[in-house]
Amino acid sequence: MYQAITLIISSAILCFPMSILATPLPSEAVNLWQAEGKYFEFNHHRIFYRDSQDSALQDAFSESGKPTLVMLHGFPTSSWDWHKLWESLGDDYRLIALDFLGFGFSDKPNINYSISSQADLVEQLLARLKVEQAHLIVHDYGTYVSQELLARQQTSSRQNKKGFQIQSLTMLNGVVSPQDLKLRPIQKALNSPFGWIVSRFVSANRFGKNFSAVFGERSQPGETVLQDYWYLISLNNGHRLSHKLIHYYDESLKHSTRWVEALQHTDVPLMLVTGLADPVAGQPMVDKFESLMPNQTTHVLPDIGHYPHLEDHQTVAKFYRAFIRR
């Protein structure tokens, strides 16, 4: 008990701002990302999403025959994670990305969050867009949502029910075994019974240091990148909900067997791309994936951290195209 309290106090002190800074304005690129998006209502909350089929550039030619690629972001970020791959893959795919409830430009209510509810959100958006099947590319938190969707797909198949069909699943620094995750001290503190206290001390300065710590040494985020991400996280006081959002970790432990079995028993092609410099979900996740799914595809990026799609999007796009062509 003493160690737990010490951890909380230490983390709160570390999170306390070293200087008081005004919340920065977002870059023009982030403003444009929002301007080109739309909103739909989910459980009385507004959810932000992007659909490349809606953009002026995509409307200039027919979308017929283009496969659909749905992009699910991680914690604690947003659909903005995908802006580099959006440019790289946009000519070949209809791209759909969303901000989960509690993230980015979506509403951030003070409620209890769950992976199951976020999966409901994805299903409702795709039904609204009349998307019956799609490829998925997911990261971190989005991995759990995709595994829940995959488990539901298998249940529907056994019951001869029609539902959304995943055509392939690509996981970027995806979590196969949450038991093997090496949580950062701030993550442990937020996920503790005193997480609500820690959330009160989260600041732009400490966010920048914690965020940068999971990137590769040679692919560190610049100041503009950090300001944009802090803007998206702190928008509508979203950073004050960090302790509620991170409870997905406990949920992942509870449903680990169901979600891992969904991966093991699927005939959907799977690919794992992992930056090995990730201190949270690096080599141990690759080892677990290859031991449980030996016939699936894996790629590693030795000098890349937790965000391959931000740190080396060109290589990720190359891996993805080769995977889909198989």
C-alpha atoms as a PDB file:
ATOM      1  CA  MET A   1       0.000   0.000   0.000  1.00  0.00           C
ATOM      2  CA  TYR A   2       2.849   2.351   0.902  1.00  0.00           C
ATOM      3  CA  GLN A   3       4.552   1.675  -2.443  1.00  0.00           C
ATOM      4  CA  ALA A   4       1.333   2.354  -4.326  1.00  0.00           C
ATOM      5  CA  ILE A   5       0.780   5.686  -2.583  1.00  0.00           C
ATOM      6  CA  THR A   6       4.419   6.633  -3.155  1.00  0.00           C
ATOM      7  CA  LEU A   7       4.025   5.861  -6.847  1.00  0.00           C
ATOM      8  CA  ILE A   8       0.943   8.051  -7.087  1.00  0.00           C
ATOM      9  CA  ILE A   9       2.531  10.984  -5.307  1.00  0.00           C
ATOM     10  CA  SER A  10       5.732  10.698  -7.343  1.00  0.00           C
ATOM     11  CA  SER A  11       3.836  10.556 -10.601  1.00  0.00           C
ATOM     12  CA  ALA A  12       1.666  13.517  -9.634  1.00  0.00           C
ATOM     13  CA  ILE A  13       4.762  15.559  -8.876  1.00  0.00           C
ATOM     14  CA  LEU A  14       6.346  14.545 -12.171  1.00  0.00           C
ATOM     15  CA  CYS A  15       3.198  15.500 -14.012  1.00  0.00           C
ATOM     16  CA  PHE A  16       2.977  18.919 -12.396  1.00  0.00           C
ATOM     17  CA  PRO A  17       3.844  21.600 -14.932  1.00  0.00           C
ATOM     18  CA  MET A  18       7.369  22.944 -14.718  1.00  0.00           C
ATOM     19  CA  SER A  19       6.040  26.141 -16.234  1.00  0.00           C
ATOM     20  CA  ILE A  20       2.572  27.439 -16.963  1.00  0.00           C
ATOM     21  CA  LEU A  21       1.990  27.551 -20.721  1.00  0.00           C
ATOM     22  CA  ALA A  22      -1.101  28.634 -22.600  1.00  0.00           C
ATOM     23  CA  THR A  23      -2.691  25.843 -24.606  1.00  0.00           C
ATOM     24  CA  PRO A  24      -1.176  26.242 -28.090  1.00  0.00           C
ATOM     25  CA  LEU A  25      -3.280  26.677 -31.171  1.00  0.00           C
ATOM     26  CA  PRO A  26      -3.264  23.734 -33.586  1.00  0.00           C
ATOM     27  CA  SER A  27      -1.319  23.830 -36.823  1.00  0.00           C
ATOM     28  CA  GLU A  28      -3.074  24.580 -40.093  1.00  0.00           C
ATOM     29  CA  ALA A  29      -2.740  20.900 -40.983  1.00  0.00           C
ATOM     30  CA  VAL A  30      -4.764  19.871 -37.927  1.00  0.00           C
ATOM     31  CA  ASN A  31      -7.351  22.555 -38.653  1.00  0.00           C
ATOM     32  CA  LEU A  32      -7.662  21.244 -42.204  1.00  0.00           C
ATOM     33  CA  TRP A  33      -7.996  17.673 -40.934  1.00  0.00           C
ATOM     34  CA  GLN A  34     -10.958  18.728 -38.822  1.00  0.00           C
ATOM     35  CA  ALA A  35     -12.470  20.867 -41.582  1.00  0.00           C
ATOM     36  CA  GLU A  36     -12.462  17.924 -43.998  1.00  0.00           C
ATOM     37  CA  GLY A  37     -14.177  15.650 -41.481  1.00  0.00           C
ATOM     38  CA  LYS A  38     -17.763  15.093 -40.426  1.00  0.00           C
ATOM     39  CA  TYR A  39     -19.666  14.156 -37.266  1.00  0.00           C
ATOM     40  CA  PHE A  40     -22.314  11.575 -36.481  1.00  0.00           C
ATOM     41  CA  GLU A  41     -24.234  10.887 -33.295  1.00  0.00           C
ATOM     42  CA  PHE A  42     -23.491   7.862 -31.136  1.00  0.00           C
ATOM     43  CA  ASN A  43     -25.369   7.417 -27.855  1.00  0.00           C
ATOM     44  CA  HIS A  44     -26.185  11.158 -27.851  1.00  0.00           C
ATOM     45  CA  HIS A  45     -22.530  12.121 -28.377  1.00  0.00           C
ATOM     46  CA  ARG A  46     -20.854  13.636 -31.427  1.00  0.00           C
ATOM     47  CA  ILE A  47     -18.199  11.476 -33.066  1.00  0.00           C
ATOM     48  CA  PHE A  48     -15.677  12.898 -35.522  1.00  0.00           C
ATOM     49  CA  TYR A  49     -14.656  10.920 -38.587  1.00  0.00           C
ATOM     50  CA  ARG A  50     -12.918  11.291 -41.937  1.00  0.00           C
ATOM     51  CA  ASP A  51     -14.001   9.542 -45.135  1.00  0.00           C
ATOM     52  CA  SER A  52     -11.793  10.067 -48.184  1.00  0.00           C
ATOM     53  CA  GLN A  53     -14.787   9.423 -50.405  1.00  0.00           C
ATOM     54  CA  ASP A  54     -16.231  12.743 -49.191  1.00  0.00           C
ATOM     55  CA  SER A  55     -13.252  14.878 -50.185  1.00  0.00           C
ATOM     56  CA  ALA A  56     -13.144  17.014 -53.293  1.00  0.00           C
ATOM     57  CA  LEU A  57     -10.100  15.176 -54.613  1.00  0.00           C
ATOM     58  CA  GLN A  58     -11.758  11.791 -54.294  1.00  0.00           C
ATOM     59  CA  ASP A  59     -15.013  13.039 -55.800  1.00  0.00           C
ATOM     60  CA  ALA A  60     -13.139  13.901 -58.985  1.00  0.00           C
ATOM     61  CA  PHE A  61     -13.144  10.255 -60.031  1.00  0.00           C
ATOM     62  CA  SER A  62     -15.148   7.101 -59.427  1.00  0.00           C
ATOM     63  CA  GLU A  63     -14.690   5.148 -56.197  1.00  0.00           C
ATOM     64  CA  SER A  64     -15.936   1.910 -57.735  1.00  0.00           C
ATOM     65  CA  GLY A  65     -13.564  -0.987 -57.210  1.00  0.00           C
ATOM     66  CA  LYS A  66     -11.548   0.756 -54.505  1.00  0.00           C
ATOM     67  CA  PRO A  67     -11.095  -1.380 -51.390  1.00  0.00           C
ATOM     68  CA  THR A  68     -12.042   0.259 -48.096  1.00  0.00           C
ATOM     69  CA  LEU A  69      -9.453   0.652 -45.339  1.00  0.00           C
ATOM     70  CA  VAL A  70     -10.641   1.563 -41.828  1.00  0.00           C
ATOM     71  CA  MET A  71      -8.038   3.104 -39.503  1.00  0.00           C
ATOM     72  CA  LEU A  72      -8.393   2.817 -35.707  1.00  0.00           C
ATOM     73  CA  HIS A  73      -6.103   4.938 -33.526  1.00  0.00           C
ATOM     74  CA  GLY A  74      -4.478   4.301 -30.168  1.00  0.00           C
ATOM     75  CA  PHE A  75      -4.390   5.802 -26.668  1.00  0.00           C
ATOM     76  CA  PRO A  76      -4.243   8.707 -25.914  1.00  0.00           C
ATOM     77  CA  THR A  77      -4.250  10.157 -29.413  1.00  0.00           C
ATOM     78  CA  SER A  78      -6.760  10.403 -32.283  1.00  0.00           C
ATOM     79  CA  SER A  79      -7.391   9.909 -35.996  1.00  0.00           C
ATOM     80  CA  TRP A  80      -4.708  12.539 -36.641  1.00  0.00           C
ATOM     81  CA  ASP A  81      -2.261   9.651 -36.127  1.00  0.00           C
ATOM     82  CA  TRP A  82      -3.119   8.541 -39.659  1.00  0.00           C
ATOM     83  CA  HIS A  83      -2.483  11.780 -41.550  1.00  0.00           C
ATOM     84  CA  LYS A  84       0.790  10.562 -43.081  1.00  0.00           C
ATOM     85  CA  LEU A  85      -0.591   7.208 -44.230  1.00  0.00           C
ATOM     86  CA  TRP A  86      -3.675   9.070 -45.465  1.00  0.00           C
ATOM     87  CA  GLU A  87      -1.452  10.696 -48.074  1.00  0.00           C
ATOM     88  CA  SER A  88       0.483   7.507 -48.845  1.00  0.00           C
ATOM     89  CA  LEU A  89      -2.499   5.172 -49.281  1.00  0.00           C
ATOM     90  CA  GLY A  90      -5.241   7.553 -50.405  1.00  0.00           C
ATOM     91  CA  ASP A  91      -4.844   6.865 -54.123  1.00  0.00           C
ATOM     92  CA  ASP A  92      -5.425   3.139 -53.713  1.00  0.00           C
ATOM     93  CA  TYR A  93      -8.054   2.906 -50.980  1.00  0.00           C
ATOM     94  CA  ARG A  94     -11.175   4.516 -49.672  1.00  0.00           C
ATOM     95  CA  LEU A  95      -9.921   5.575 -46.251  1.00  0.00           C
ATOM     96  CA  ILE A  96     -12.085   5.932 -43.151  1.00  0.00           C
ATOM     97  CA  ALA A  97     -10.742   7.108 -39.789  1.00  0.00           C
ATOM     98  CA  LEU A  98     -12.535   8.195 -36.627  1.00  0.00           C
ATOM     99  CA  ASP A  99     -11.876   9.631 -33.204  1.00  0.00           C
ATOM    100  CA  PHE A 100     -13.117   7.216 -30.570  1.00  0.00           C
ATOM    101  CA  LEU A 101     -15.467   8.628 -27.944  1.00  0.00           C
ATOM    102  CA  GLY A 102     -13.316  10.544 -25.455  1.00  0.00           C
ATOM    103  CA  PHE A 103     -10.545  11.277 -27.969  1.00  0.00           C
ATOM    104  CA  GLY A 104      -9.557  13.999 -30.428  1.00  0.00           C
ATOM    105  CA  PHE A 105     -12.422  16.009 -31.899  1.00  0.00           C
ATOM    106  CA  SER A 106     -15.119  13.645 -30.623  1.00  0.00           C
ATOM    107  CA  ASP A 107     -17.124  14.415 -27.495  1.00  0.00           C
ATOM    108  CA  LYS A 108     -15.414  13.687 -24.190  1.00  0.00           C
ATOM    109  CA  PRO A 109     -18.117  12.941 -21.626  1.00  0.00           C
ATOM    110  CA  ASN A 110     -17.273  12.098 -18.024  1.00  0.00           C
ATOM    111  CA  ILE A 111     -18.449   8.486 -18.228  1.00  0.00           C
ATOM    112  CA  ASN A 112     -17.066   4.987 -17.887  1.00  0.00           C
ATOM    113  CA  TYR A 113     -15.466   3.935 -21.167  1.00  0.00           C
ATOM    114  CA  SER A 114     -15.195   0.443 -22.625  1.00  0.00           C
ATOM    115  CA  ILE A 115     -13.679  -1.306 -25.630  1.00  0.00           C
ATOM    116  CA  SER A 116     -17.038  -2.966 -26.269  1.00  0.00           C
ATOM    117  CA  SER A 117     -18.737   0.416 -26.587  1.00  0.00           C
ATOM    118  CA  GLN A 118     -16.023   1.678 -28.937  1.00  0.00           C
ATOM    119  CA  ALA A 119     -16.571  -1.422 -31.100  1.00  0.00           C
ATOM    120  CA  ASP A 120     -20.291  -0.570 -31.164  1.00  0.00           C
ATOM    121  CA  LEU A 121     -19.310   2.910 -32.323  1.00  0.00           C
ATOM    122  CA  VAL A 122     -17.240   1.530 -35.216  1.00  0.00           C
ATOM    123  CA  GLU A 123     -20.045  -0.790 -36.284  1.00  0.00           C
ATOM    124  CA  GLN A 124     -22.586   2.037 -36.245  1.00  0.00           C
ATOM    125  CA  LEU A 125     -20.380   4.348 -38.299  1.00  0.00           C
ATOM    126  CA  LEU A 126     -19.694   1.687 -40.920  1.00  0.00           C
ATOM    127  CA  ALA A 127     -23.381   0.796 -41.105  1.00  0.00           C
ATOM    128  CA  ARG A 128     -24.162   4.487 -41.575  1.00  0.00           C
ATOM    129  CA  LEU A 129     -21.624   4.642 -44.420  1.00  0.00           C
ATOM    130  CA  LYS A 130     -23.005   1.377 -45.875  1.00  0.00           C
ATOM    131  CA  VAL A 131     -19.639  -0.358 -45.526  1.00  0.00           C
ATOM    132  CA  GLU A 132     -20.244  -4.110 -45.258  1.00  0.00           C
ATOM    133  CA  GLN A 133     -16.613  -5.209 -45.488  1.00  0.00           C
ATOM    134  CA  ALA A 134     -13.241  -3.515 -45.117  1.00  0.00           C
ATOM    135  CA  HIS A 135      -9.574  -3.953 -44.336  1.00  0.00           C
ATOM    136  CA  LEU A 136      -8.461  -2.694 -40.910  1.00  0.00           C
ATOM    137  CA  ILE A 137      -5.215  -1.033 -39.899  1.00  0.00           C
ATOM    138  CA  VAL A 138      -5.041  -0.403 -36.158  1.00  0.00           C
ATOM    139  CA  HIS A 139      -2.684   0.824 -33.470  1.00  0.00           C
ATOM    140  CA  ASP A 140      -2.413   0.248 -29.717  1.00  0.00           C
ATOM    141  CA  TYR A 141      -5.908   0.849 -28.207  1.00  0.00           C
ATOM    142  CA  GLY A 142      -7.381   0.262 -31.657  1.00  0.00           C
ATOM    143  CA  THR A 143      -5.942  -3.258 -31.563  1.00  0.00           C
ATOM    144  CA  TYR A 144      -8.297  -4.208 -28.750  1.00  0.00           C
ATOM    145  CA  VAL A 145     -11.265  -2.738 -30.608  1.00  0.00           C
ATOM    146  CA  SER A 146     -10.330  -4.704 -33.732  1.00  0.00           C
ATOM    147  CA  GLN A 147     -10.024  -7.932 -31.734  1.00  0.00           C
ATOM    148  CA  GLU A 148     -13.490  -7.393 -30.281  1.00  0.00           C
ATOM    149  CA  LEU A 149     -14.830  -6.803 -33.805  1.00  0.00           C
ATOM    150  CA  LEU A 150     -13.085  -9.963 -34.993  1.00  0.00           C
ATOM    151  CA  ALA A 151     -14.577 -11.986 -32.129  1.00  0.00           C
ATOM    152  CA  ARG A 152     -18.043 -10.666 -33.002  1.00  0.00           C
ATOM    153  CA  GLN A 153     -17.500 -11.576 -36.640  1.00  0.00           C
ATOM    154  CA  GLN A 154     -16.724 -15.164 -35.665  1.00  0.00           C
ATOM    155  CA  THR A 155     -19.785 -15.334 -33.410  1.00  0.00           C
ATOM    156  CA  SER A 156     -22.020 -14.018 -36.204  1.00  0.00           C
ATOM    157  CA  SER A 157     -20.573 -16.573 -38.604  1.00  0.00           C
ATOM    158  CA  ARG A 158     -21.304 -19.452 -36.230  1.00  0.00           C
ATOM    159  CA  GLN A 159     -24.872 -18.201 -35.839  1.00  0.00           C
ATOM    160  CA  ASN A 160     -25.282 -17.647 -39.591  1.00  0.00           C
ATOM    161  CA  LYS A 161     -25.911 -13.954 -38.985  1.00  0.00           C
ATOM    162  CA  LYS A 162     -24.863 -11.219 -41.359  1.00  0.00           C
ATOM    163  CA  GLY A 163     -22.538  -8.536 -40.018  1.00  0.00           C
ATOM    164  CA  PHE A 164     -19.567  -6.367 -40.840  1.00  0.00           C
ATOM    165  CA  GLN A 165     -16.733  -8.437 -42.329  1.00  0.00           C
ATOM    166  CA  ILE A 166     -13.039  -7.766 -41.710  1.00  0.00           C
ATOM    167  CA  GLN A 167     -11.073  -8.611 -44.860  1.00  0.00           C
ATOM    168  CA  SER A 168      -7.617  -8.235 -43.325  1.00  0.00           C
ATOM    169  CA  LEU A 169      -6.168  -6.889 -40.088  1.00  0.00           C
ATOM    170  CA  THR A 170      -2.883  -4.994 -39.778  1.00  0.00           C
ATOM    171  CA  MET A 171      -1.715  -4.171 -36.260  1.00  0.00           C
ATOM    172  CA  LEU A 172       0.924  -1.515 -35.610  1.00  0.00           C
ATOM    173  CA  ASN A 173       2.670  -2.167 -32.301  1.00  0.00           C
ATOM    174  CA  GLY A 174      -0.392  -4.186 -31.495  1.00  0.00           C
ATOM    175  CA  VAL A 175      -0.928  -5.871 -28.166  1.00  0.00           C
ATOM    176  CA  VAL A 176      -1.357  -9.633 -28.308  1.00  0.00           C
ATOM    177  CA  SER A 177      -0.715 -10.325 -24.638  1.00  0.00           C
ATOM    178  CA  PRO A 178      -1.575  -7.431 -22.281  1.00  0.00           C
ATOM    179  CA  GLN A 179       0.053  -9.370 -19.454  1.00  0.00           C
ATOM    180  CA  ASP A 180       3.423  -8.775 -21.145  1.00  0.00           C
ATOM    181  CA  LEU A 181       3.027  -5.011 -21.530  1.00  0.00           C
ATOM    182  CA  LYS A 182       5.577  -2.853 -19.746  1.00  0.00           C
ATOM    183  CA  LEU A 183       3.396   0.007 -18.585  1.00  0.00           C
ATOM    184  CA  ARG A 184       5.060   3.375 -18.075  1.00  0.00           C
ATOM    185  CA  PRO A 185       4.952   4.810 -14.524  1.00  0.00           C
ATOM    186  CA  ILE A 186       2.402   7.422 -15.587  1.00  0.00           C
ATOM    187  CA  GLN A 187       0.186   4.689 -17.049  1.00  0.00           C
ATOM    188  CA  LYS A 188       0.337   2.703 -13.826  1.00  0.00           C
ATOM    189  CA  ALA A 189      -0.493   5.812 -11.823  1.00  0.00           C
ATOM    190  CA  LEU A 190      -3.455   6.749 -14.022  1.00  0.00           C
ATOM    191  CA  ASN A 191      -4.791   3.196 -13.849  1.00  0.00           C
ATOM    192  CA  SER A 192      -4.637   3.121 -10.052  1.00  0.00           C
ATOM    193  CA  PRO A 193      -7.514   3.991  -7.673  1.00  0.00           C
ATOM    194  CA  PHE A 194      -5.895   7.425  -7.364  1.00  0.00           C
ATOM    195  CA  GLY A 195      -5.759   8.021 -11.109  1.00  0.00           C
ATOM    196  CA  TRP A 196      -8.294  10.820 -10.874  1.00  0.00           C
ATOM    197  CA  ILE A 197      -5.805  12.774  -8.794  1.00  0.00           C
ATOM    198  CA  VAL A 198      -2.980  12.170 -11.258  1.00  0.00           C
ATOM    199  CA  SER A 199      -5.188  13.374 -14.130  1.00  0.00           C
ATOM    200  CA  ARG A 200      -5.470  16.761 -12.446  1.00  0.00           C
ATOM    201  CA  PHE A 201      -1.705  17.258 -12.741  1.00  0.00           C
ATOM    202  CA  VAL A 202      -1.259  16.249 -16.382  1.00  0.00           C
ATOM    203  CA  SER A 203       0.409  19.122 -18.261  1.00  0.00           C
ATOM    204  CA  ALA A 204       1.715  19.952 -21.724  1.00  0.00           C
ATOM    205  CA  ASN A 205       5.325  19.731 -20.538  1.00  0.00           C
ATOM    206  CA  ARG A 206       4.981  16.327 -18.948  1.00  0.00           C
ATOM    207  CA  PHE A 207       2.874  15.017 -21.798  1.00  0.00           C
ATOM    208  CA  GLY A 208       5.631  15.993 -24.225  1.00  0.00           C
ATOM    209  CA  LYS A 209       8.259  14.130 -22.226  1.00  0.00           C
ATOM    210  CA  ASN A 210       6.155  10.996 -21.784  1.00  0.00           C
ATOM    211  CA  PHE A 211       5.075  11.006 -25.443  1.00  0.00           C
ATOM    212  CA  SER A 212       8.624  11.483 -26.737  1.00  0.00           C
ATOM    213  CA  ALA A 213       9.876   8.666 -24.499  1.00  0.00           C
ATOM    214  CA  VAL A 214       8.043   6.024 -26.547  1.00  0.00           C
ATOM    215  CA  PHE A 215       9.490   7.199 -29.889  1.00  0.00           C
ATOM    216  CA  GLY A 216      12.742   5.962 -31.380  1.00  0.00           C
ATOM    217  CA  GLU A 217      15.883   7.935 -30.624  1.00  0.00           C
ATOM    218  CA  ARG A 218      16.243   9.029 -34.259  1.00  0.00           C
ATOM    219  CA  SER A 219      12.546   9.664 -34.920  1.00  0.00           C
ATOM    220  CA  GLN A 220      11.646  12.021 -32.089  1.00  0.00           C
ATOM    221  CA  PRO A 221       8.589  14.280 -32.487  1.00  0.00           C
ATOM    222  CA  GLY A 222       9.290  17.972 -33.033  1.00  0.00           C
ATOM    223  CA  GLU A 223       7.769  20.848 -31.097  1.00  0.00           C
ATOM    224  CA  THR A 224       4.930  21.398 -33.577  1.00  0.00           C
ATOM    225  CA  VAL A 225       4.013  17.715 -33.428  1.00  0.00           C
ATOM    226  CA  LEU A 226       3.913  17.813 -29.627  1.00  0.00           C
ATOM    227  CA  GLN A 227       1.809  20.972 -29.616  1.00  0.00           C
ATOM    228  CA  ASP A 228      -0.671  19.470 -32.076  1.00  0.00           C
ATOM    229  CA  TYR A 229      -1.049  16.301 -30.032  1.00  0.00           C
ATOM    230  CA  TRP A 230      -1.413  18.192 -26.775  1.00  0.00           C
ATOM    231  CA  TYR A 231      -4.083  20.353 -28.381  1.00  0.00           C
ATOM    232  CA  LEU A 232      -6.049  17.280 -29.502  1.00  0.00           C
ATOM    233  CA  ILE A 233      -5.709  15.516 -26.161  1.00  0.00           C
ATOM    234  CA  SER A 234      -6.497  18.550 -23.993  1.00  0.00           C
ATOM    235  CA  LEU A 235      -9.346  19.796 -26.206  1.00  0.00           C
ATOM    236  CA  ASN A 236     -12.499  20.032 -24.079  1.00  0.00           C
ATOM    237  CA  ASN A 237     -10.409  19.006 -21.043  1.00  0.00           C
ATOM    238  CA  GLY A 238      -9.884  15.517 -22.437  1.00  0.00           C
ATOM    239  CA  HIS A 239      -6.636  15.113 -20.492  1.00  0.00           C
ATOM    240  CA  ARG A 240      -8.669  15.229 -17.278  1.00  0.00           C
ATOM    241  CA  LEU A 241     -10.302  11.949 -18.345  1.00  0.00           C
ATOM    242  CA  SER A 242      -7.040  10.037 -18.773  1.00  0.00           C
ATOM    243  CA  HIS A 243      -7.729   7.892 -15.709  1.00  0.00           C
ATOM    244  CA  LYS A 244     -11.077   6.797 -17.163  1.00  0.00           C
ATOM    245  CA  LEU A 245      -9.798   6.124 -20.669  1.00  0.00           C
ATOM    246  CA  ILE A 246      -6.867   4.010 -19.513  1.00  0.00           C
ATOM    247  CA  HIS A 247      -9.137   1.498 -17.795  1.00  0.00           C
ATOM    248  CA  TYR A 248      -9.073  -0.318 -21.137  1.00  0.00           C
ATOM    249  CA  TYR A 249      -5.991  -2.069 -19.750  1.00  0.00           C
ATOM    250  CA  ASP A 250      -8.013  -3.818 -17.033  1.00  0.00           C
ATOM    251  CA  GLU A 251     -10.648  -4.657 -19.636  1.00  0.00           C
ATOM    252  CA  SER A 252      -7.982  -6.182 -21.876  1.00  0.00           C
ATOM    253  CA  LEU A 253      -6.844  -8.479 -19.063  1.00  0.00           C
ATOM    254  CA  LYS A 254     -10.437  -9.560 -18.456  1.00  0.00           C
ATOM    255  CA  HIS A 255     -11.093 -10.367 -22.124  1.00  0.00           C
ATOM    256  CA  SER A 256      -7.594 -11.513 -23.078  1.00  0.00           C
ATOM    257  CA  THR A 257      -8.590 -15.133 -23.736  1.00  0.00           C
ATOM    258  CA  ARG A 258     -11.541 -14.180 -25.939  1.00  0.00           C
ATOM    259  CA  TRP A 259      -9.523 -11.687 -27.961  1.00  0.00           C
ATOM    260  CA  VAL A 260      -6.439 -13.880 -28.422  1.00  0.00           C
ATOM    261  CA  GLU A 261      -8.604 -16.802 -29.503  1.00  0.00           C
ATOM    262  CA  ALA A 262     -10.241 -14.516 -32.058  1.00  0.00           C
ATOM    263  CA  LEU A 263      -6.797 -13.967 -33.587  1.00  0.00           C
ATOM    264  CA  GLN A 264      -5.826 -17.630 -33.407  1.00  0.00           C
ATOM    265  CA  HIS A 265      -8.998 -19.009 -34.949  1.00  0.00           C
ATOM    266  CA  THR A 266      -9.555 -16.511 -37.727  1.00  0.00           C
ATOM    267  CA  ASP A 267      -9.004 -17.092 -41.420  1.00  0.00           C
ATOM    268  CA  VAL A 268      -8.627 -13.326 -41.881  1.00  0.00           C
ATOM    269  CA  PRO A 269      -5.049 -12.458 -42.967  1.00  0.00           C
ATOM    270  CA  LEU A 270      -3.114 -10.814 -40.118  1.00  0.00           C
ATOM    271  CA  MET A 271       0.018  -8.666 -40.129  1.00  0.00           C
ATOM    272  CA  LEU A 272       1.935  -7.246 -37.166  1.00  0.00           C
ATOM    273  CA  VAL A 273       4.340  -4.335 -37.700  1.00  0.00           C
ATOM    274  CA  THR A 274       6.337  -3.437 -34.590  1.00  0.00           C
ATOM    275  CA  GLY A 275       8.865  -0.766 -33.752  1.00  0.00           C
ATOM    276  CA  LEU A 276      11.324  -2.544 -31.488  1.00  0.00           C
ATOM    277  CA  ALA A 277      12.405   0.671 -29.752  1.00  0.00           C
ATOM    278  CA  ASP A 278       8.949   0.806 -28.153  1.00  0.00           C
ATOM    279  CA  PRO A 279       9.459   0.460 -24.374  1.00  0.00           C
ATOM    280  CA  VAL A 280       5.823  -0.586 -23.887  1.00  0.00           C
ATOM    281  CA  ALA A 281       4.971  -3.136 -26.591  1.00  0.00           C
ATOM    282  CA  GLY A 282       8.127  -4.055 -28.484  1.00  0.00           C
ATOM    283  CA  GLN A 283       9.854  -7.415 -28.928  1.00  0.00           C
ATOM    284  CA  PRO A 284       7.717  -9.329 -26.373  1.00  0.00           C
ATOM    285  CA  MET A 285       4.617  -8.701 -28.507  1.00  0.00           C
ATOM    286  CA  VAL A 286       6.409  -9.925 -31.641  1.00  0.00           C
ATOM    287  CA  ASP A 287       7.491 -13.094 -29.842  1.00  0.00           C
ATOM    288  CA  LYS A 288       3.976 -13.739 -28.553  1.00  0.00           C
ATOM    289  CA  PHE A 289       2.377 -13.075 -31.949  1.00  0.00           C
ATOM    290  CA  GLU A 290       4.765 -15.421 -33.756  1.00  0.00           C
ATOM    291  CA  SER A 291       4.305 -18.169 -31.177  1.00  0.00           C
ATOM    292  CA  LEU A 292       0.503 -17.989 -31.266  1.00  0.00           C
ATOM    293  CA  MET A 293       0.042 -17.232 -34.988  1.00  0.00           C
ATOM    294  CA  PRO A 294       3.150 -18.695 -36.681  1.00  0.00           C
ATOM    295  CA  ASN A 295       1.678 -18.606 -40.188  1.00  0.00           C
ATOM    296  CA  GLN A 296       0.815 -14.914 -40.150  1.00  0.00           C
ATOM    297  CA  THR A 297       2.967 -11.965 -41.295  1.00  0.00           C
ATOM    298  CA  THR A 298       5.341  -9.993 -39.071  1.00  0.00           C
ATOM    299  CA  HIS A 299       7.721  -7.094 -39.710  1.00  0.00           C
ATOM    300  CA  VAL A 300      10.005  -5.317 -37.262  1.00  0.00           C
ATOM    301  CA  LEU A 301      11.538  -1.842 -37.390  1.00  0.00           C
ATOM    302  CA  PRO A 302      14.602  -1.916 -35.106  1.00  0.00           C
ATOM    303  CA  ASP A 303      15.043   1.836 -34.543  1.00  0.00           C
ATOM    304  CA  ILE A 304      11.362   2.822 -34.490  1.00  0.00           C
ATOM    305  CA  GLY A 305       9.279   3.242 -31.358  1.00  0.00           C
ATOM    306  CA  HIS A 306       5.590   3.006 -30.499  1.00  0.00           C
ATOM    307  CA  TYR A 307       4.282   4.993 -33.491  1.00  0.00           C
ATOM    308  CA  PRO A 308       5.559   3.381 -36.741  1.00  0.00           C
ATOM    309  CA  HIS A 309       2.916   5.201 -38.793  1.00  0.00           C
ATOM    310  CA  LEU A 310       4.286   8.548 -37.585  1.00  0.00           C
ATOM    311  CA  GLU A 311       7.969   7.662 -37.330  1.00  0.00           C
ATOM    312  CA  ASP A 312       8.394   5.749 -40.619  1.00  0.00           C
ATOM    313  CA  HIS A 313       5.133   5.873 -42.542  1.00  0.00           C
ATOM    314  CA  GLN A 314       6.758   5.146 -45.904  1.00  0.00           C
ATOM    315  CA  THR A 315       8.051   1.763 -44.758  1.00  0.00           C
ATOM    316  CA  VAL A 316       4.712   0.958 -43.133  1.00  0.00           C
ATOM    317  CA  ALA A 317       2.949   1.798 -46.410  1.00  0.00           C
ATOM    318  CA  LYS A 318       5.385  -0.442 -48.305  1.00  0.00           C
ATOM    319  CA  PHE A 319       4.756  -3.343 -45.914  1.00  0.00           C
ATOM    320  CA  TYR A 320       1.020  -2.789 -46.198  1.00  0.00           C
ATOM    321  CA  ARG A 321       0.898  -2.803 -49.996  1.00  0.00           C
ATOM    322  CA  ALA A 322       2.952  -6.004 -50.144  1.00  0.00           C
ATOM    323  CA  PHE A 323       0.698  -7.641 -47.545  1.00  0.00           C
ATOM    324  CA  ILE A 324      -2.514  -6.793 -49.407  1.00  0.00           C
ATOM    325  CA  ARG A 325      -1.110  -8.007 -52.741  1.00  0.00           C
ATOM    326  CA  ARG A 326      -0.481 -11.500 -51.345  1.00  0.00           C
END
